[in-house]
Amino acid sequence: MIGRKRPPTRNQLSVNNDVCRRYGFCVAEAPELFELTPSGGLRYRRVVPPRELENARSAARICPTLAIALAEAESPTRGGRA
């Protein structure tokens, strides 16, 4: 399958650091996933545990610069194989 991207096998976050302005909305929505450092940087968990998935979705939605991307793993209820 050349040229076809495989669906992720786990929920993954990524942040475009060129776009992110560190406003902290993501930290407020998902403190278990995002952290602003004392030096003004942003740390985040790249792999999202299932229990934090809804918070990750909220953080991606609320980001004013749209810097957060969430790639969700396929599941049987979301179009994967049963």
N, C-alpha and C. Protein backbone atom coordinates (compact mmCIF):
# COMPACT_ATOMS: atom_id res chain seq x y z
N MET A 1 0.82 -1.18 0.00
CA MET A 1 0.00 0.00 0.00
C MET A 1 0.87 1.24 0.00
N ILE A 2 1.45 1.52 -1.07
CA ILE A 2 2.29 2.69 -1.20
C ILE A 2 1.43 3.94 -1.24
N GLY A 3 1.85 4.96 -0.48
CA GLY A 3 1.13 6.22 -0.49
C GLY A 3 -0.05 6.30 0.45
N ARG A 4 -0.44 5.19 1.04
CA ARG A 4 -1.57 5.23 1.99
C ARG A 4 -1.02 5.31 3.39
N LYS A 5 -1.57 6.23 4.14
CA LYS A 5 -1.16 6.40 5.51
C LYS A 5 -1.96 5.46 6.40
N ARG A 6 -1.29 4.77 7.28
CA ARG A 6 -1.99 3.90 8.21
C ARG A 6 -2.64 4.72 9.31
N PRO A 7 -3.81 4.29 9.77
CA PRO A 7 -4.42 4.99 10.91
C PRO A 7 -3.54 4.77 12.14
N PRO A 8 -3.52 5.74 13.05
CA PRO A 8 -2.70 5.57 14.25
C PRO A 8 -3.20 4.40 15.08
N THR A 9 -2.27 3.75 15.78
CA THR A 9 -2.64 2.63 16.64
C THR A 9 -2.91 3.09 18.07
N ARG A 10 -2.61 4.36 18.33
CA ARG A 10 -2.92 4.94 19.63
C ARG A 10 -3.22 6.42 19.44
N ASN A 11 -3.86 7.02 20.41
CA ASN A 11 -4.22 8.44 20.33
C ASN A 11 -2.95 9.27 20.54
N GLN A 12 -2.68 10.17 19.59
CA GLN A 12 -1.45 10.94 19.66
C GLN A 12 -1.70 12.44 19.50
N LEU A 13 -1.03 13.22 20.34
CA LEU A 13 -1.08 14.67 20.27
C LEU A 13 0.16 15.20 19.58
N SER A 14 0.01 16.29 18.88
CA SER A 14 1.16 17.04 18.39
C SER A 14 0.81 18.52 18.47
N VAL A 15 1.84 19.34 18.67
CA VAL A 15 1.66 20.78 18.77
C VAL A 15 2.61 21.44 17.79
N ASN A 16 2.08 22.33 16.98
CA ASN A 16 2.91 23.11 16.05
C ASN A 16 3.49 24.27 16.86
N ASN A 17 4.76 24.15 17.22
CA ASN A 17 5.39 25.16 18.06
C ASN A 17 5.60 26.49 17.35
N ASP A 18 5.56 26.49 16.04
CA ASP A 18 5.68 27.75 15.30
C ASP A 18 4.39 28.57 15.40
N VAL A 19 3.28 27.90 15.67
CA VAL A 19 1.97 28.55 15.73
C VAL A 19 1.55 28.81 17.19
N CYS A 20 1.92 27.91 18.08
CA CYS A 20 1.52 28.01 19.49
C CYS A 20 2.06 29.29 20.12
N ARG A 21 1.21 29.98 20.85
CA ARG A 21 1.60 31.23 21.54
C ARG A 21 1.60 31.06 23.06
N ARG A 22 1.40 29.83 23.54
CA ARG A 22 1.45 29.51 24.96
C ARG A 22 0.45 30.30 25.80
N TYR A 23 -0.77 30.42 25.30
CA TYR A 23 -1.81 31.10 26.05
C TYR A 23 -2.27 30.28 27.26
N GLY A 24 -2.13 28.96 27.20
CA GLY A 24 -2.45 28.10 28.33
C GLY A 24 -3.86 27.54 28.36
N PHE A 25 -4.63 27.75 27.30
CA PHE A 25 -5.98 27.17 27.27
C PHE A 25 -5.91 25.64 27.35
N CYS A 26 -4.92 25.07 26.69
CA CYS A 26 -4.78 23.61 26.70
C CYS A 26 -4.50 23.10 28.11
N VAL A 27 -3.70 23.85 28.87
CA VAL A 27 -3.39 23.46 30.25
C VAL A 27 -4.65 23.47 31.10
N ALA A 28 -5.49 24.46 30.89
CA ALA A 28 -6.75 24.55 31.64
C ALA A 28 -7.69 23.41 31.28
N GLU A 29 -7.72 23.01 30.02
CA GLU A 29 -8.62 21.95 29.57
C GLU A 29 -8.10 20.56 29.89
N ALA A 30 -6.78 20.39 29.83
CA ALA A 30 -6.21 19.05 30.00
C ALA A 30 -4.89 19.12 30.77
N PRO A 31 -4.95 19.42 32.07
CA PRO A 31 -3.72 19.57 32.85
C PRO A 31 -2.89 18.29 32.96
N GLU A 32 -3.51 17.15 32.74
CA GLU A 32 -2.75 15.89 32.77
C GLU A 32 -1.93 15.70 31.49
N LEU A 33 -2.25 16.48 30.45
CA LEU A 33 -1.58 16.32 29.16
C LEU A 33 -0.64 17.46 28.81
N PHE A 34 -0.94 18.67 29.31
CA PHE A 34 -0.18 19.86 28.94
C PHE A 34 0.36 20.57 30.18
N GLU A 35 1.54 21.18 30.03
CA GLU A 35 2.14 21.93 31.12
C GLU A 35 2.95 23.09 30.54
N LEU A 36 2.75 24.27 31.09
CA LEU A 36 3.60 25.41 30.75
C LEU A 36 4.78 25.40 31.71
N THR A 37 5.98 25.50 31.18
CA THR A 37 7.18 25.46 32.02
C THR A 37 7.48 26.86 32.55
N PRO A 38 8.25 26.96 33.62
CA PRO A 38 8.61 28.27 34.16
C PRO A 38 9.34 29.16 33.15
N SER A 39 10.02 28.55 32.18
CA SER A 39 10.74 29.33 31.17
C SER A 39 9.84 29.74 30.00
N GLY A 40 8.55 29.38 30.07
CA GLY A 40 7.61 29.78 29.03
C GLY A 40 7.41 28.76 27.92
N GLY A 41 7.98 27.59 28.06
CA GLY A 41 7.80 26.54 27.06
C GLY A 41 6.54 25.72 27.33
N LEU A 42 6.21 24.87 26.41
CA LEU A 42 5.06 23.98 26.56
C LEU A 42 5.54 22.55 26.51
N ARG A 43 5.16 21.79 27.51
CA ARG A 43 5.40 20.34 27.51
C ARG A 43 4.06 19.65 27.38
N TYR A 44 4.07 18.53 26.68
CA TYR A 44 2.81 17.79 26.54
C TYR A 44 3.11 16.32 26.34
N ARG A 45 2.12 15.49 26.67
CA ARG A 45 2.23 14.05 26.47
C ARG A 45 1.84 13.75 25.03
N ARG A 46 2.66 13.06 24.32
CA ARG A 46 2.37 12.75 22.92
C ARG A 46 1.35 11.62 22.78
N VAL A 47 1.38 10.69 23.71
CA VAL A 47 0.42 9.59 23.70
C VAL A 47 -0.67 9.89 24.72
N VAL A 48 -1.91 9.86 24.26
CA VAL A 48 -3.05 10.21 25.11
C VAL A 48 -3.69 8.94 25.64
N PRO A 49 -3.72 8.77 26.96
CA PRO A 49 -4.42 7.61 27.52
C PRO A 49 -5.92 7.72 27.24
N PRO A 50 -6.60 6.61 27.11
CA PRO A 50 -8.04 6.64 26.81
C PRO A 50 -8.85 7.49 27.79
N ARG A 51 -8.49 7.49 29.05
CA ARG A 51 -9.25 8.26 30.04
C ARG A 51 -9.10 9.77 29.84
N GLU A 52 -8.07 10.21 29.09
CA GLU A 52 -7.82 11.63 28.85
C GLU A 52 -8.23 12.07 27.44
N LEU A 53 -8.83 11.18 26.68
CA LEU A 53 -9.15 11.48 25.29
C LEU A 53 -10.12 12.66 25.14
N GLU A 54 -11.15 12.71 25.93
CA GLU A 54 -12.11 13.81 25.82
C GLU A 54 -11.46 15.15 26.18
N ASN A 55 -10.57 15.14 27.18
CA ASN A 55 -9.85 16.37 27.53
C ASN A 55 -8.92 16.80 26.39
N ALA A 56 -8.29 15.85 25.74
CA ALA A 56 -7.43 16.17 24.59
C ALA A 56 -8.25 16.78 23.46
N ARG A 57 -9.42 16.23 23.21
CA ARG A 57 -10.31 16.79 22.18
C ARG A 57 -10.68 18.24 22.52
N SER A 58 -11.02 18.47 23.79
CA SER A 58 -11.39 19.82 24.23
C SER A 58 -10.23 20.79 24.06
N ALA A 59 -9.03 20.37 24.43
CA ALA A 59 -7.86 21.23 24.29
C ALA A 59 -7.60 21.59 22.83
N ALA A 60 -7.74 20.63 21.94
CA ALA A 60 -7.53 20.89 20.51
C ALA A 60 -8.59 21.86 19.98
N ARG A 61 -9.83 21.69 20.43
CA ARG A 61 -10.93 22.57 19.99
C ARG A 61 -10.77 24.00 20.48
N ILE A 62 -10.32 24.15 21.72
CA ILE A 62 -10.29 25.48 22.34
C ILE A 62 -9.04 26.28 21.98
N CYS A 63 -8.02 25.65 21.43
CA CYS A 63 -6.77 26.35 21.12
C CYS A 63 -7.03 27.51 20.14
N PRO A 64 -6.76 28.75 20.56
CA PRO A 64 -7.08 29.89 19.69
C PRO A 64 -6.22 29.97 18.43
N THR A 65 -5.07 29.32 18.43
CA THR A 65 -4.20 29.36 17.24
C THR A 65 -4.28 28.07 16.43
N LEU A 66 -5.10 27.11 16.90
CA LEU A 66 -5.26 25.81 16.22
C LEU A 66 -3.93 25.09 16.07
N ALA A 67 -3.10 25.19 17.10
CA ALA A 67 -1.77 24.58 17.06
C ALA A 67 -1.76 23.11 17.45
N ILE A 68 -2.86 22.63 18.02
CA ILE A 68 -2.92 21.26 18.54
C ILE A 68 -3.61 20.35 17.54
N ALA A 69 -2.96 19.23 17.25
CA ALA A 69 -3.56 18.20 16.40
C ALA A 69 -3.69 16.92 17.23
N LEU A 70 -4.81 16.26 17.10
CA LEU A 70 -5.06 15.00 17.79
C LEU A 70 -5.36 13.94 16.74
N ALA A 71 -4.53 12.93 16.69
CA ALA A 71 -4.76 11.79 15.80
C ALA A 71 -5.30 10.66 16.66
N GLU A 72 -6.56 10.32 16.43
CA GLU A 72 -7.19 9.29 17.23
C GLU A 72 -7.05 7.92 16.58
N ALA A 73 -6.76 6.94 17.44
CA ALA A 73 -6.65 5.57 16.97
C ALA A 73 -8.03 5.08 16.55
N GLU A 74 -8.04 4.25 15.52
CA GLU A 74 -9.31 3.66 15.12
C GLU A 74 -9.74 2.65 16.15
N SER A 75 -11.03 2.60 16.37
CA SER A 75 -11.60 1.61 17.28
C SER A 75 -12.77 0.94 16.55
N PRO A 76 -13.22 -0.20 17.06
CA PRO A 76 -14.36 -0.86 16.40
C PRO A 76 -15.59 0.03 16.29
N THR A 77 -15.78 0.95 17.21
CA THR A 77 -16.96 1.82 17.15
C THR A 77 -16.73 3.03 16.25
N ARG A 78 -15.49 3.25 15.79
CA ARG A 78 -15.19 4.42 14.94
C ARG A 78 -14.76 4.00 13.55
N GLY A 79 -15.19 2.89 13.07
CA GLY A 79 -14.90 2.51 11.71
C GLY A 79 -13.78 1.50 11.56
N GLY A 80 -13.23 1.06 12.66
CA GLY A 80 -12.20 0.03 12.60
C GLY A 80 -12.85 -1.33 12.42
N ARG A 81 -12.02 -2.35 12.46
CA ARG A 81 -12.57 -3.70 12.33
C ARG A 81 -13.10 -4.19 13.66
N ALA A 82 -14.16 -4.92 13.59
CA ALA A 82 -14.78 -5.47 14.82
C ALA A 82 -14.11 -6.75 15.22
